Amino acid sequence: MPTETIASVVANGTGAAPTAGLHAEHPDRTLLLSGEETGERVAIHCEATSFDAATADLRGVAALRIRGTRVLTSQRLILSFWPTEPAEPALSRLLAFIGNRPLIGYYLDFTVGLLDRLVQPMVGMALPNQRIEVSSLYYGRKAKVPGKYAVDLRLDSILRDLDLPPRAGEDAYASALASAMVYLRLEPPRP
């Protein structure tokens, strides 16, 4: 699936700018608060202009679904954001994609903090999704090993230690896919 810009989302009619003041009736808010359990999770990663979620500009986001033991790479969403285009159409599409599913990621506090800053004015609330930080899962596993060893929490080091394929790049999609693989290695679904 190719990367989409805000302009292509609007041009293709796949998103509409939300109307201000309709937070309670906003369809994205309903999706986020849905009690429906899909059993899926969403691996997500953002690219931004800096590592300060309070001031960074969002440049890209990649999200892909996980169902059972499978990463559904065919069901992915890759969006690009540009400062001269409105973010709401693409954010609506992202919110529809993630719904109420738990979010999985590496450096997830940054990703969610950045998204919350943009989503909250749009739908009147921050993302309520459960969050699963893969570096925390990894640290929890390594901390159980006796000895005084420093734990290398860099994503590439985690992938190597878990005998997983290296990231195919430094973009948001490669990081989201890597997070999904780490999650499945450390927290395999129960039958």
Protein backbone atom coordinates (compact mmCIF):
# COMPACT_ATOMS: atom_id res chain seq x y z
CA MET A 1 0.00 0.00 0.00
CA PRO A 2 1.56 3.33 -0.98
CA THR A 3 2.08 6.19 1.41
CA GLU A 4 -0.74 8.68 1.26
CA THR A 5 -0.59 12.40 1.83
CA ILE A 6 -3.38 14.43 3.34
CA ALA A 7 -4.13 15.84 -0.11
CA SER A 8 -4.68 12.36 -1.57
CA VAL A 9 -6.95 11.37 1.31
CA VAL A 10 -9.09 14.46 0.73
CA ALA A 11 -8.99 14.12 -3.06
CA ASN A 12 -10.07 10.49 -2.91
CA GLY A 13 -12.92 11.32 -0.58
CA THR A 14 -11.69 8.95 2.13
CA GLY A 15 -11.81 11.52 4.86
CA ALA A 16 -13.81 14.55 5.76
CA ALA A 17 -12.77 17.39 7.99
CA PRO A 18 -14.58 17.16 11.32
CA THR A 19 -16.88 19.91 12.40
CA ALA A 20 -15.68 21.78 15.47
CA GLY A 21 -17.90 21.53 18.52
CA LEU A 22 -19.32 18.08 17.76
CA HIS A 23 -17.00 16.16 20.09
CA ALA A 24 -19.73 14.10 21.73
CA GLU A 25 -21.25 13.04 18.39
CA HIS A 26 -17.96 12.70 16.53
CA PRO A 27 -17.84 9.24 14.87
CA ASP A 28 -14.15 8.83 15.71
CA ARG A 29 -14.97 9.24 19.40
CA THR A 30 -17.57 6.49 19.12
CA LEU A 31 -15.01 4.15 17.54
CA LEU A 32 -12.48 4.82 20.30
CA LEU A 33 -15.02 4.14 23.04
CA SER A 34 -16.61 1.08 21.44
CA GLY A 35 -16.87 -1.90 23.75
CA GLU A 36 -16.63 -4.32 20.83
CA GLU A 37 -13.69 -6.72 21.28
CA THR A 38 -11.99 -7.66 18.02
CA GLY A 39 -9.09 -9.56 19.56
CA GLU A 40 -6.77 -7.52 17.36
CA ARG A 41 -4.01 -5.17 18.36
CA VAL A 42 -2.36 -2.34 16.42
CA ALA A 43 1.38 -1.76 16.18
CA ILE A 44 1.99 1.94 15.62
CA HIS A 45 4.90 4.32 15.17
CA CYS A 46 5.18 8.03 14.35
CA GLU A 47 7.85 10.11 12.66
CA ALA A 48 8.15 13.70 13.80
CA THR A 49 10.36 16.76 13.53
CA SER A 50 11.80 16.22 17.05
CA PHE A 51 11.56 13.91 20.06
CA ASP A 52 9.52 16.37 22.12
CA ALA A 53 5.88 15.28 21.83
CA ALA A 54 4.69 18.65 23.14
CA THR A 55 6.24 20.65 20.28
CA ALA A 56 7.07 18.22 17.46
CA ASP A 57 5.26 18.30 14.14
CA LEU A 58 3.92 14.95 12.96
CA ARG A 59 5.46 13.90 9.64
CA GLY A 60 4.30 10.32 9.27
CA VAL A 61 2.52 7.49 10.99
CA ALA A 62 2.40 3.78 10.26
CA ALA A 63 0.00 1.32 11.84
CA LEU A 64 -0.63 -2.36 11.21
CA ARG A 65 -2.94 -4.85 12.78
CA ILE A 66 -2.01 -8.00 14.65
CA ARG A 67 -4.50 -10.86 14.79
CA GLY A 68 -3.56 -13.91 16.82
CA THR A 69 0.00 -14.85 15.90
CA ARG A 70 -0.06 -12.98 12.58
CA VAL A 71 1.02 -9.49 11.67
CA LEU A 72 -1.42 -8.42 8.98
CA THR A 73 0.97 -6.50 6.76
CA SER A 74 -1.72 -6.33 4.08
CA GLN A 75 -3.87 -4.37 6.55
CA ARG A 76 -1.60 -1.46 7.18
CA LEU A 77 -2.01 2.28 7.13
CA ILE A 78 0.84 4.59 6.20
CA LEU A 79 0.16 8.32 6.21
CA SER A 80 2.33 11.37 5.57
CA PHE A 81 1.59 14.74 7.12
CA TRP A 82 2.61 18.12 5.77
CA PRO A 83 2.49 21.42 7.66
CA THR A 84 0.55 23.15 4.87
CA GLU A 85 -2.30 20.60 4.85
CA PRO A 86 -5.00 19.95 7.46
CA ALA A 87 -4.32 16.85 9.55
CA GLU A 88 -7.94 16.02 10.45
CA PRO A 89 -8.85 13.87 7.42
CA ALA A 90 -5.85 11.60 7.89
CA LEU A 91 -6.28 11.52 11.67
CA SER A 92 -9.90 10.43 11.21
CA ARG A 93 -8.69 7.65 8.97
CA LEU A 94 -6.08 6.63 11.56
CA LEU A 95 -8.65 6.62 14.37
CA ALA A 96 -10.99 4.47 12.28
CA PHE A 97 -8.10 2.07 11.65
CA ILE A 98 -7.09 1.69 15.31
CA GLY A 99 -10.56 1.93 16.86
CA ASN A 100 -10.51 0.67 20.44
CA ARG A 101 -7.72 -1.85 19.84
CA PRO A 102 -4.71 -1.93 22.20
CA LEU A 103 -1.70 -0.04 20.83
CA ILE A 104 1.72 -1.67 20.64
CA GLY A 105 4.93 0.18 19.99
CA TYR A 106 8.46 1.18 20.79
CA TYR A 107 8.79 4.55 22.54
CA LEU A 108 4.99 4.46 22.64
CA ASP A 109 4.64 7.33 25.12
CA PHE A 110 6.07 9.66 22.48
CA THR A 111 3.82 8.32 19.70
CA VAL A 112 0.66 8.50 21.79
CA GLY A 113 1.62 11.87 23.29
CA LEU A 114 2.09 13.33 19.84
CA LEU A 115 -1.18 11.85 18.57
CA ASP A 116 -3.07 12.94 21.71
CA ARG A 117 -2.00 16.53 21.13
CA LEU A 118 -3.62 16.42 17.68
CA VAL A 119 -6.58 14.14 18.39
CA GLN A 120 -7.83 15.71 21.63
CA PRO A 121 -8.98 19.01 20.07
CA MET A 122 -10.57 17.05 17.24
CA VAL A 123 -12.66 14.53 19.22
CA GLY A 124 -12.57 16.04 22.70
CA MET A 125 -10.50 13.34 24.36
CA ALA A 126 -7.09 11.68 24.37
CA LEU A 127 -6.64 8.16 23.03
CA PRO A 128 -8.16 5.77 25.62
CA ASN A 129 -6.54 2.67 24.10
CA GLN A 130 -4.57 0.23 26.22
CA ARG A 131 -0.83 0.69 25.59
CA ILE A 132 1.80 -2.02 25.40
CA GLU A 133 5.42 -0.82 25.29
CA VAL A 134 7.64 -3.53 23.79
CA SER A 135 10.82 -2.28 25.49
CA SER A 136 9.05 -2.71 28.86
CA LEU A 137 8.07 -6.27 27.95
CA TYR A 138 11.65 -6.97 26.95
CA TYR A 139 13.08 -5.37 30.10
CA GLY A 140 10.69 -7.40 32.25
CA ARG A 141 11.96 -10.55 30.63
CA LYS A 142 15.65 -9.62 30.96
CA ALA A 143 15.30 -8.39 34.56
CA LYS A 144 14.29 -11.92 35.60
CA VAL A 145 17.73 -13.22 34.61
CA PRO A 146 20.07 -13.27 37.63
CA GLY A 147 23.16 -11.10 37.47
CA LYS A 148 24.06 -7.47 37.18
CA TYR A 149 23.81 -6.87 33.47
CA ALA A 150 22.84 -3.69 31.76
CA VAL A 151 19.87 -4.18 29.47
CA ASP A 152 20.24 -2.66 26.01
CA LEU A 153 16.77 -1.33 25.15
CA ARG A 154 17.52 -0.06 21.65
CA LEU A 155 15.02 -1.55 19.20
CA ASP A 156 17.67 -2.99 16.91
CA SER A 157 19.42 -4.62 19.89
CA ILE A 158 16.14 -6.13 21.07
CA LEU A 159 15.52 -7.55 17.60
CA ARG A 160 19.00 -9.09 17.52
CA ASP A 161 18.70 -10.59 21.00
CA LEU A 162 15.31 -12.13 20.19
CA ASP A 163 16.69 -13.54 16.92
CA LEU A 164 14.25 -11.52 14.82
CA PRO A 165 14.96 -10.01 11.39
CA PRO A 166 16.52 -6.53 11.45
CA ARG A 167 14.45 -3.52 10.53
CA ALA A 168 14.28 -2.95 6.79
CA GLY A 169 14.73 0.80 7.25
CA GLU A 170 14.43 3.67 9.68
CA ASP A 171 10.90 4.72 8.69
CA ALA A 172 7.69 4.49 10.72
CA TYR A 173 6.52 1.32 8.96
CA ALA A 174 9.77 -0.56 9.67
CA SER A 175 9.59 0.42 13.35
CA ALA A 176 5.91 -0.53 13.68
CA LEU A 177 6.59 -3.90 12.04
CA ALA A 178 9.59 -4.49 14.33
CA SER A 179 7.46 -3.63 17.38
CA ALA A 180 4.81 -6.11 16.24
CA MET A 181 7.41 -8.88 15.87
CA VAL A 182 8.90 -8.16 19.31
CA TYR A 183 5.43 -8.19 20.84
CA LEU A 184 4.56 -11.56 19.30
CA ARG A 185 7.88 -13.05 20.43
CA LEU A 186 7.46 -11.83 24.03
CA GLU A 187 3.69 -12.08 24.46
CA PRO A 188 2.45 -14.88 22.19
CA PRO A 189 -1.34 -15.07 22.17
CA ARG A 190 -2.99 -17.75 24.23
CA PRO A 191 -4.80 -20.50 22.32
